[in-house]
């Protein structure tokens, strides 16, 4: 990120980025739930790994928002994901 120009993106781009961030939050949550319900140890490990990957994606989006000085709230899974 250090080498990239730090011009703040336009409002539409920010909206899209926030949508992507929320998708990552929901995916991480769902993979974690599925891992918790999975009786097979190998599948549980795979699902837990996917949850970790999605968590890293969330962290990356949050880093980008910080670099570009974009305000954001700490995201939580949507109601749709939780149901």
PDB file of N, CA and C in Angstrom:
ATOM      1  N   UNK A   1       0.819  -1.197   0.000  1.00  0.00           N
ATOM      2  CA  UNK A   1       0.000   0.000   0.000  1.00  0.00           C
ATOM      3  C   UNK A   1       0.860   1.257   0.000  1.00  0.00           C
ATOM      4  N   UNK A   2       2.087   1.185   0.511  1.00  0.00           N
ATOM      5  CA  UNK A   2       2.895   2.388   0.624  1.00  0.00           C
ATOM      6  C   UNK A   2       3.192   3.013  -0.729  1.00  0.00           C
ATOM      7  N   UNK A   3       3.305   2.183  -1.778  1.00  0.00           N
ATOM      8  CA  UNK A   3       3.663   2.686  -3.093  1.00  0.00           C
ATOM      9  C   UNK A   3       2.475   3.242  -3.861  1.00  0.00           C
ATOM     10  N   UNK A   4       1.274   2.983  -3.394  1.00  0.00           N
ATOM     11  CA  UNK A   4       0.093   3.435  -4.114  1.00  0.00           C
ATOM     12  C   UNK A   4      -0.236   4.874  -3.764  1.00  0.00           C
ATOM     13  N   UNK A   5      -0.782   5.558  -4.743  1.00  0.00           N
ATOM     14  CA  UNK A   5      -1.248   6.920  -4.526  1.00  0.00           C
ATOM     15  C   UNK A   5      -2.388   6.892  -3.507  1.00  0.00           C
ATOM     16  N   UNK A   6      -2.407   7.847  -2.616  1.00  0.00           N
ATOM     17  CA  UNK A   6      -3.382   7.829  -1.526  1.00  0.00           C
ATOM     18  C   UNK A   6      -4.505   8.840  -1.734  1.00  0.00           C
ATOM     19  N   UNK A   7      -4.928   9.014  -2.971  1.00  0.00           N
ATOM     20  CA  UNK A   7      -6.060   9.873  -3.264  1.00  0.00           C
ATOM     21  C   UNK A   7      -7.327   9.151  -2.832  1.00  0.00           C
ATOM     22  N   UNK A   8      -8.149   9.834  -2.073  1.00  0.00           N
ATOM     23  CA  UNK A   8      -9.371   9.207  -1.559  1.00  0.00           C
ATOM     24  C   UNK A   8     -10.299   8.842  -2.711  1.00  0.00           C
ATOM     25  N   UNK A   9     -10.806   7.615  -2.713  1.00  0.00           N
ATOM     26  CA  UNK A   9     -11.732   7.189  -3.765  1.00  0.00           C
ATOM     27  C   UNK A   9     -13.043   7.977  -3.707  1.00  0.00           C
ATOM     28  N   UNK A  10     -13.773   7.943  -4.819  1.00  0.00           N
ATOM     29  CA  UNK A  10     -15.058   8.641  -4.862  1.00  0.00           C
ATOM     30  C   UNK A  10     -16.098   7.886  -4.030  1.00  0.00           C
ATOM     31  N   UNK A  11     -17.226   8.533  -3.801  1.00  0.00           N
ATOM     32  CA  UNK A  11     -18.269   7.992  -2.924  1.00  0.00           C
ATOM     33  C   UNK A  11     -18.793   6.638  -3.408  1.00  0.00           C
ATOM     34  N   UNK A  12     -18.950   6.480  -4.709  1.00  0.00           N
ATOM     35  CA  UNK A  12     -19.461   5.211  -5.237  1.00  0.00           C
ATOM     36  C   UNK A  12     -18.472   4.080  -4.972  1.00  0.00           C
ATOM     37  N   UNK A  13     -17.195   4.341  -5.157  1.00  0.00           N
ATOM     38  CA  UNK A  13     -16.175   3.330  -4.895  1.00  0.00           C
ATOM     39  C   UNK A  13     -16.163   2.950  -3.418  1.00  0.00           C
ATOM     40  N   UNK A  14     -16.268   3.942  -2.547  1.00  0.00           N
ATOM     41  CA  UNK A  14     -16.300   3.678  -1.108  1.00  0.00           C
ATOM     42  C   UNK A  14     -17.504   2.814  -0.752  1.00  0.00           C
ATOM     43  N   UNK A  15     -18.637   3.104  -1.352  1.00  0.00           N
ATOM     44  CA  UNK A  15     -19.848   2.312  -1.105  1.00  0.00           C
ATOM     45  C   UNK A  15     -19.625   0.855  -1.513  1.00  0.00           C
ATOM     46  N   UNK A  16     -19.013   0.650  -2.666  1.00  0.00           N
ATOM     47  CA  UNK A  16     -18.728  -0.701  -3.147  1.00  0.00           C
ATOM     48  C   UNK A  16     -17.747  -1.399  -2.207  1.00  0.00           C
ATOM     49  N   UNK A  17     -16.708  -0.682  -1.786  1.00  0.00           N
ATOM     50  CA  UNK A  17     -15.721  -1.261  -0.870  1.00  0.00           C
ATOM     51  C   UNK A  17     -16.377  -1.689   0.435  1.00  0.00           C
ATOM     52  N   UNK A  18     -17.258  -0.856   0.964  1.00  0.00           N
ATOM     53  CA  UNK A  18     -17.936  -1.195   2.219  1.00  0.00           C
ATOM     54  C   UNK A  18     -18.824  -2.421   2.047  1.00  0.00           C
ATOM     55  N   UNK A  19     -19.429  -2.538   0.879  1.00  0.00           N
ATOM     56  CA  UNK A  19     -20.242  -3.725   0.585  1.00  0.00           C
ATOM     57  C   UNK A  19     -19.351  -4.971   0.569  1.00  0.00           C
ATOM     58  N   UNK A  20     -18.182  -4.856  -0.077  1.00  0.00           N
ATOM     59  CA  UNK A  20     -17.245  -5.984  -0.106  1.00  0.00           C
ATOM     60  C   UNK A  20     -16.797  -6.357   1.305  1.00  0.00           C
ATOM     61  N   UNK A  21     -16.507  -5.353   2.116  1.00  0.00           N
ATOM     62  CA  UNK A  21     -16.114  -5.608   3.504  1.00  0.00           C
ATOM     63  C   UNK A  21     -17.209  -6.382   4.233  1.00  0.00           C
ATOM     64  N   UNK A  22     -18.441  -5.955   4.080  1.00  0.00           N
ATOM     65  CA  UNK A  22     -19.543  -6.644   4.760  1.00  0.00           C
ATOM     66  C   UNK A  22     -19.674  -8.077   4.271  1.00  0.00           C
ATOM     67  N   UNK A  23     -19.471  -8.300   2.977  1.00  0.00           N
ATOM     68  CA  UNK A  23     -19.508  -9.666   2.451  1.00  0.00           C
ATOM     69  C   UNK A  23     -18.454 -10.544   3.121  1.00  0.00           C
ATOM     70  N   UNK A  24     -17.259  -9.993   3.324  1.00  0.00           N
ATOM     71  CA  UNK A  24     -16.179 -10.745   3.969  1.00  0.00           C
ATOM     72  C   UNK A  24     -16.532 -11.054   5.425  1.00  0.00           C
ATOM     73  N   UNK A  25     -17.115 -10.083   6.124  1.00  0.00           N
ATOM     74  CA  UNK A  25     -17.530 -10.288   7.518  1.00  0.00           C
ATOM     75  C   UNK A  25     -18.560 -11.416   7.589  1.00  0.00           C
ATOM     76  N   UNK A  26     -19.544 -11.362   6.710  1.00  0.00           N
ATOM     77  CA  UNK A  26     -20.585 -12.396   6.700  1.00  0.00           C
ATOM     78  C   UNK A  26     -19.999 -13.769   6.369  1.00  0.00           C
ATOM     79  N   UNK A  27     -19.106 -13.823   5.390  1.00  0.00           N
ATOM     80  CA  UNK A  27     -18.506 -15.101   5.002  1.00  0.00           C
ATOM     81  C   UNK A  27     -17.699 -15.694   6.152  1.00  0.00           C
ATOM     82  N   UNK A  28     -16.926 -14.866   6.823  1.00  0.00           N
ATOM     83  CA  UNK A  28     -16.144 -15.339   7.962  1.00  0.00           C
ATOM     84  C   UNK A  28     -17.060 -15.916   9.043  1.00  0.00           C
ATOM     85  N   UNK A  29     -18.111 -15.192   9.341  1.00  0.00           N
ATOM     86  CA  UNK A  29     -19.073 -15.644  10.350  1.00  0.00           C
ATOM     87  C   UNK A  29     -19.684 -16.989   9.952  1.00  0.00           C
ATOM     88  N   UNK A  30     -20.151 -17.084   8.718  1.00  0.00           N
ATOM     89  CA  UNK A  30     -20.826 -18.306   8.273  1.00  0.00           C
ATOM     90  C   UNK A  30     -19.885 -19.504   8.247  1.00  0.00           C
ATOM     91  N   UNK A  31     -18.661 -19.318   7.751  1.00  0.00           N
ATOM     92  CA  UNK A  31     -17.702 -20.431   7.772  1.00  0.00           C
ATOM     93  C   UNK A  31     -17.431 -20.878   9.207  1.00  0.00           C
ATOM     94  N   UNK A  32     -17.360 -19.921  10.128  1.00  0.00           N
ATOM     95  CA  UNK A  32     -17.160 -20.272  11.535  1.00  0.00           C
ATOM     96  C   UNK A  32     -18.321 -21.070  12.097  1.00  0.00           C
ATOM     97  N   UNK A  33     -19.535 -20.663  11.757  1.00  0.00           N
ATOM     98  CA  UNK A  33     -20.727 -21.399  12.205  1.00  0.00           C
ATOM     99  C   UNK A  33     -20.723 -22.805  11.619  1.00  0.00           C
ATOM    100  N   UNK A  34     -20.466 -22.896  10.317  1.00  0.00           N
ATOM    101  CA  UNK A  34     -20.449 -24.215   9.676  1.00  0.00           C
ATOM    102  C   UNK A  34     -19.379 -25.111  10.298  1.00  0.00           C
ATOM    103  N   UNK A  35     -18.211 -24.533  10.591  1.00  0.00           N
ATOM    104  CA  UNK A  35     -17.136 -25.314  11.219  1.00  0.00           C
ATOM    105  C   UNK A  35     -17.581 -25.831  12.587  1.00  0.00           C
ATOM    106  N   UNK A  36     -18.288 -24.995  13.324  1.00  0.00           N
ATOM    107  CA  UNK A  36     -18.763 -25.403  14.643  1.00  0.00           C
ATOM    108  C   UNK A  36     -19.797 -26.513  14.604  1.00  0.00           C
ATOM    109  N   UNK A  37     -20.499 -26.611  13.505  1.00  0.00           N
ATOM    110  CA  UNK A  37     -21.541 -27.632  13.365  1.00  0.00           C
ATOM    111  C   UNK A  37     -21.044 -28.910  12.690  1.00  0.00           C
ATOM    112  N   UNK A  38     -19.886 -28.836  12.062  1.00  0.00           N
ATOM    113  CA  UNK A  38     -19.379 -29.954  11.264  1.00  0.00           C
ATOM    114  C   UNK A  38     -18.800 -31.056  12.157  1.00  0.00           C
ATOM    115  N   UNK A  39     -19.343 -32.275  12.063  1.00  0.00           N
ATOM    116  CA  UNK A  39     -18.817 -33.368  12.888  1.00  0.00           C
ATOM    117  C   UNK A  39     -17.507 -33.972  12.353  1.00  0.00           C
ATOM    118  N   UNK A  40     -17.291 -33.881  11.063  1.00  0.00           N
ATOM    119  CA  UNK A  40     -16.088 -34.453  10.461  1.00  0.00           C
ATOM    120  C   UNK A  40     -14.886 -33.535  10.722  1.00  0.00           C
ATOM    121  N   UNK A  41     -13.837 -34.071  11.327  1.00  0.00           N
ATOM    122  CA  UNK A  41     -12.679 -33.264  11.733  1.00  0.00           C
ATOM    123  C   UNK A  41     -11.996 -32.583  10.544  1.00  0.00           C
ATOM    124  N   UNK A  42     -11.851 -33.286   9.442  1.00  0.00           N
ATOM    125  CA  UNK A  42     -11.169 -32.709   8.276  1.00  0.00           C
ATOM    126  C   UNK A  42     -11.985 -31.559   7.691  1.00  0.00           C
ATOM    127  N   UNK A  43     -13.277 -31.765   7.552  1.00  0.00           N
ATOM    128  CA  UNK A  43     -14.134 -30.697   7.030  1.00  0.00           C
ATOM    129  C   UNK A  43     -14.170 -29.508   7.988  1.00  0.00           C
ATOM    130  N   UNK A  44     -14.202 -29.793   9.285  1.00  0.00           N
ATOM    131  CA  UNK A  44     -14.181 -28.733  10.301  1.00  0.00           C
ATOM    132  C   UNK A  44     -12.910 -27.894  10.144  1.00  0.00           C
ATOM    133  N   UNK A  45     -11.779 -28.565   9.936  1.00  0.00           N
ATOM    134  CA  UNK A  45     -10.502 -27.872   9.749  1.00  0.00           C
ATOM    135  C   UNK A  45     -10.535 -26.988   8.499  1.00  0.00           C
ATOM    136  N   UNK A  46     -11.085 -27.509   7.425  1.00  0.00           N
ATOM    137  CA  UNK A  46     -11.182 -26.739   6.180  1.00  0.00           C
ATOM    138  C   UNK A  46     -12.061 -25.511   6.378  1.00  0.00           C
ATOM    139  N   UNK A  47     -13.213 -25.696   6.978  1.00  0.00           N
ATOM    140  CA  UNK A  47     -14.131 -24.575   7.205  1.00  0.00           C
ATOM    141  C   UNK A  47     -13.527 -23.537   8.152  1.00  0.00           C
ATOM    142  N   UNK A  48     -12.839 -23.987   9.178  1.00  0.00           N
ATOM    143  CA  UNK A  48     -12.164 -23.052  10.087  1.00  0.00           C
ATOM    144  C   UNK A  48     -11.088 -22.270   9.350  1.00  0.00           C
ATOM    145  N   UNK A  49     -10.377 -22.946   8.467  1.00  0.00           N
ATOM    146  CA  UNK A  49      -9.362 -22.269   7.659  1.00  0.00           C
ATOM    147  C   UNK A  49      -9.968 -21.216   6.754  1.00  0.00           C
ATOM    148  N   UNK A  50     -11.109 -21.527   6.171  1.00  0.00           N
ATOM    149  CA  UNK A  50     -11.792 -20.548   5.324  1.00  0.00           C
ATOM    150  C   UNK A  50     -12.248 -19.339   6.137  1.00  0.00           C
ATOM    151  N   UNK A  51     -12.713 -19.572   7.356  1.00  0.00           N
ATOM    152  CA  UNK A  51     -13.104 -18.458   8.234  1.00  0.00           C
ATOM    153  C   UNK A  51     -11.905 -17.563   8.517  1.00  0.00           C
ATOM    154  N   UNK A  52     -10.741 -18.164   8.748  1.00  0.00           N
ATOM    155  CA  UNK A  52      -9.524 -17.386   8.994  1.00  0.00           C
ATOM    156  C   UNK A  52      -9.139 -16.561   7.771  1.00  0.00           C
ATOM    157  N   UNK A  53      -9.257 -17.154   6.596  1.00  0.00           N
ATOM    158  CA  UNK A  53      -8.952 -16.424   5.360  1.00  0.00           C
ATOM    159  C   UNK A  53      -9.867 -15.212   5.226  1.00  0.00           C
ATOM    160  N   UNK A  54     -11.142 -15.414   5.465  1.00  0.00           N
ATOM    161  CA  UNK A  54     -12.092 -14.300   5.370  1.00  0.00           C
ATOM    162  C   UNK A  54     -11.788 -13.231   6.420  1.00  0.00           C
ATOM    163  N   UNK A  55     -11.354 -13.634   7.612  1.00  0.00           N
ATOM    164  CA  UNK A  55     -10.960 -12.654   8.626  1.00  0.00           C
ATOM    165  C   UNK A  55      -9.782 -11.809   8.153  1.00  0.00           C
ATOM    166  N   UNK A  56      -8.837 -12.444   7.475  1.00  0.00           N
ATOM    167  CA  UNK A  56      -7.701 -11.679   6.930  1.00  0.00           C
ATOM    168  C   UNK A  56      -8.178 -10.707   5.855  1.00  0.00           C
ATOM    169  N   UNK A  57      -9.154 -11.107   5.079  1.00  0.00           N
ATOM    170  CA  UNK A  57      -9.720 -10.194   4.080  1.00  0.00           C
ATOM    171  C   UNK A  57     -10.360  -8.990   4.765  1.00  0.00           C
ATOM    172  N   UNK A  58     -11.088  -9.235   5.847  1.00  0.00           N
ATOM    173  CA  UNK A  58     -11.692  -8.135   6.613  1.00  0.00           C
ATOM    174  C   UNK A  58     -10.598  -7.179   7.079  1.00  0.00           C
ATOM    175  N   UNK A  59      -9.533  -7.729   7.636  1.00  0.00           N
ATOM    176  CA  UNK A  59      -8.424  -6.896   8.111  1.00  0.00           C
ATOM    177  C   UNK A  59      -7.819  -6.080   6.975  1.00  0.00           C
ATOM    178  N   UNK A  60      -7.694  -6.687   5.814  1.00  0.00           N
ATOM    179  CA  UNK A  60      -7.116  -5.983   4.655  1.00  0.00           C
ATOM    180  C   UNK A  60      -8.008  -4.823   4.228  1.00  0.00           C
ATOM    181  N   UNK A  61      -9.315  -5.036   4.163  1.00  0.00           N
ATOM    182  CA  UNK A  61     -10.227  -3.948   3.814  1.00  0.00           C
ATOM    183  C   UNK A  61     -10.130  -2.826   4.839  1.00  0.00           C
ATOM    184  N   UNK A  62     -10.081  -3.182   6.111  1.00  0.00           N
ATOM    185  CA  UNK A  62      -9.986  -2.159   7.152  1.00  0.00           C
ATOM    186  C   UNK A  62      -8.681  -1.376   7.033  1.00  0.00           C
ATOM    187  N   UNK A  63      -7.594  -2.051   6.674  1.00  0.00           N
ATOM    188  CA  UNK A  63      -6.321  -1.358   6.433  1.00  0.00           C
ATOM    189  C   UNK A  63      -6.462  -0.365   5.285  1.00  0.00           C
ATOM    190  N   UNK A  64      -7.128  -0.797   4.211  1.00  0.00           N
ATOM    191  CA  UNK A  64      -7.316   0.108   3.070  1.00  0.00           C
ATOM    192  C   UNK A  64      -8.126   1.328   3.476  1.00  0.00           C
ATOM    193  N   UNK A  65      -9.169   1.124   4.252  1.00  0.00           N
ATOM    194  CA  UNK A  65      -9.974   2.262   4.705  1.00  0.00           C
ATOM    195  C   UNK A  65      -9.126   3.221   5.530  1.00  0.00           C
ATOM    196  N   UNK A  66      -8.263   2.684   6.355  1.00  0.00           N
ATOM    197  CA  UNK A  66      -7.389   3.527   7.171  1.00  0.00           C
ATOM    198  C   UNK A  66      -6.406   4.295   6.295  1.00  0.00           C
ATOM    199  N   UNK A  67      -5.791   3.619   5.337  1.00  0.00           N
ATOM    200  CA  UNK A  67      -4.829   4.264   4.436  1.00  0.00           C
ATOM    201  C   UNK A  67      -5.478   5.418   3.693  1.00  0.00           C
ATOM    202  N   UNK A  68      -6.697   5.237   3.245  1.00  0.00           N
ATOM    203  CA  UNK A  68      -7.392   6.265   2.472  1.00  0.00           C
ATOM    204  C   UNK A  68      -8.229   7.190   3.348  1.00  0.00           C
ATOM    205  N   UNK A  69      -8.082   7.056   4.658  1.00  0.00           N
ATOM    206  CA  UNK A  69      -8.783   7.918   5.612  1.00  0.00           C
ATOM    207  C   UNK A  69     -10.302   7.877   5.405  1.00  0.00           C
ATOM    208  N   UNK A  70     -10.811   6.660   5.253  1.00  0.00           N
ATOM    209  CA  UNK A  70     -12.244   6.442   5.084  1.00  0.00           C
ATOM    210  C   UNK A  70     -12.796   5.973   6.424  1.00  0.00           C
ATOM    211  N   UNK A  71     -13.797   6.666   6.920  1.00  0.00           N
ATOM    212  CA  UNK A  71     -14.399   6.280   8.196  1.00  0.00           C
ATOM    213  C   UNK A  71     -15.242   5.023   8.005  1.00  0.00           C
ATOM    214  N   UNK A  72     -15.153   4.146   8.974  1.00  0.00           N
ATOM    215  CA  UNK A  72     -15.956   2.931   8.937  1.00  0.00           C
ATOM    216  C   UNK A  72     -16.183   2.457  10.357  1.00  0.00           C
ATOM    217  N   UNK A  73     -17.275   1.745  10.540  1.00  0.00           N
ATOM    218  CA  UNK A  73     -17.580   1.136  11.828  1.00  0.00           C
ATOM    219  C   UNK A  73     -17.064  -0.291  11.804  1.00  0.00           C
ATOM    220  N   UNK A  74     -16.702  -0.785  12.966  1.00  0.00           N
ATOM    221  CA  UNK A  74     -16.330  -2.197  13.061  1.00  0.00           C
ATOM    222  C   UNK A  74     -17.559  -3.000  12.654  1.00  0.00           C
ATOM    223  N   UNK A  75     -17.383  -3.843  11.687  1.00  0.00           N
ATOM    224  CA  UNK A  75     -18.520  -4.560  11.128  1.00  0.00           C
ATOM    225  C   UNK A  75     -18.849  -5.828  11.910  1.00  0.00           C
ATOM    226  N   UNK A  76     -20.104  -6.158  11.892  1.00  0.00           N
ATOM    227  CA  UNK A  76     -20.631  -7.371  12.505  1.00  0.00           C
ATOM    228  C   UNK A  76     -21.433  -8.101  11.434  1.00  0.00           C
ATOM    229  N   UNK A  77     -21.633  -9.404  11.590  1.00  0.00           N
ATOM    230  CA  UNK A  77     -22.443 -10.127  10.610  1.00  0.00           C
ATOM    231  C   UNK A  77     -23.832  -9.502  10.483  1.00  0.00           C
ATOM    232  N   UNK A  78     -24.340  -9.492   9.275  1.00  0.00           N
ATOM    233  CA  UNK A  78     -25.679  -8.962   9.038  1.00  0.00           C
ATOM    234  C   UNK A  78     -26.726  -9.893   9.644  1.00  0.00           C
ATOM    235  N   UNK A  79     -27.907  -9.360   9.813  1.00  0.00           N
ATOM    236  CA  UNK A  79     -29.023 -10.171  10.314  1.00  0.00           C
ATOM    237  C   UNK A  79     -29.265 -11.344   9.362  1.00  0.00           C
ATOM    238  N   UNK A  80     -29.154 -11.095   8.075  1.00  0.00           N
ATOM    239  CA  UNK A  80     -29.366 -12.148   7.083  1.00  0.00           C
ATOM    240  C   UNK A  80     -28.387 -13.304   7.308  1.00  0.00           C
ATOM    241  N   UNK A  81     -27.123 -12.982   7.573  1.00  0.00           N
ATOM    242  CA  UNK A  81     -26.127 -14.032   7.811  1.00  0.00           C
ATOM    243  C   UNK A  81     -26.402 -14.764   9.120  1.00  0.00           C
ATOM    244  N   UNK A  82     -26.862 -14.039  10.116  1.00  0.00           N
ATOM    245  CA  UNK A  82     -27.099 -14.646  11.432  1.00  0.00           C
ATOM    246  C   UNK A  82     -28.339 -15.532  11.458  1.00  0.00           C
ATOM    247  N   UNK A  83     -29.266 -15.310  10.540  1.00  0.00           N
ATOM    248  CA  UNK A  83     -30.476 -16.138  10.503  1.00  0.00           C
ATOM    249  C   UNK A  83     -30.211 -17.361   9.674  1.00  0.00           C
TER     250      UNK A  83
END
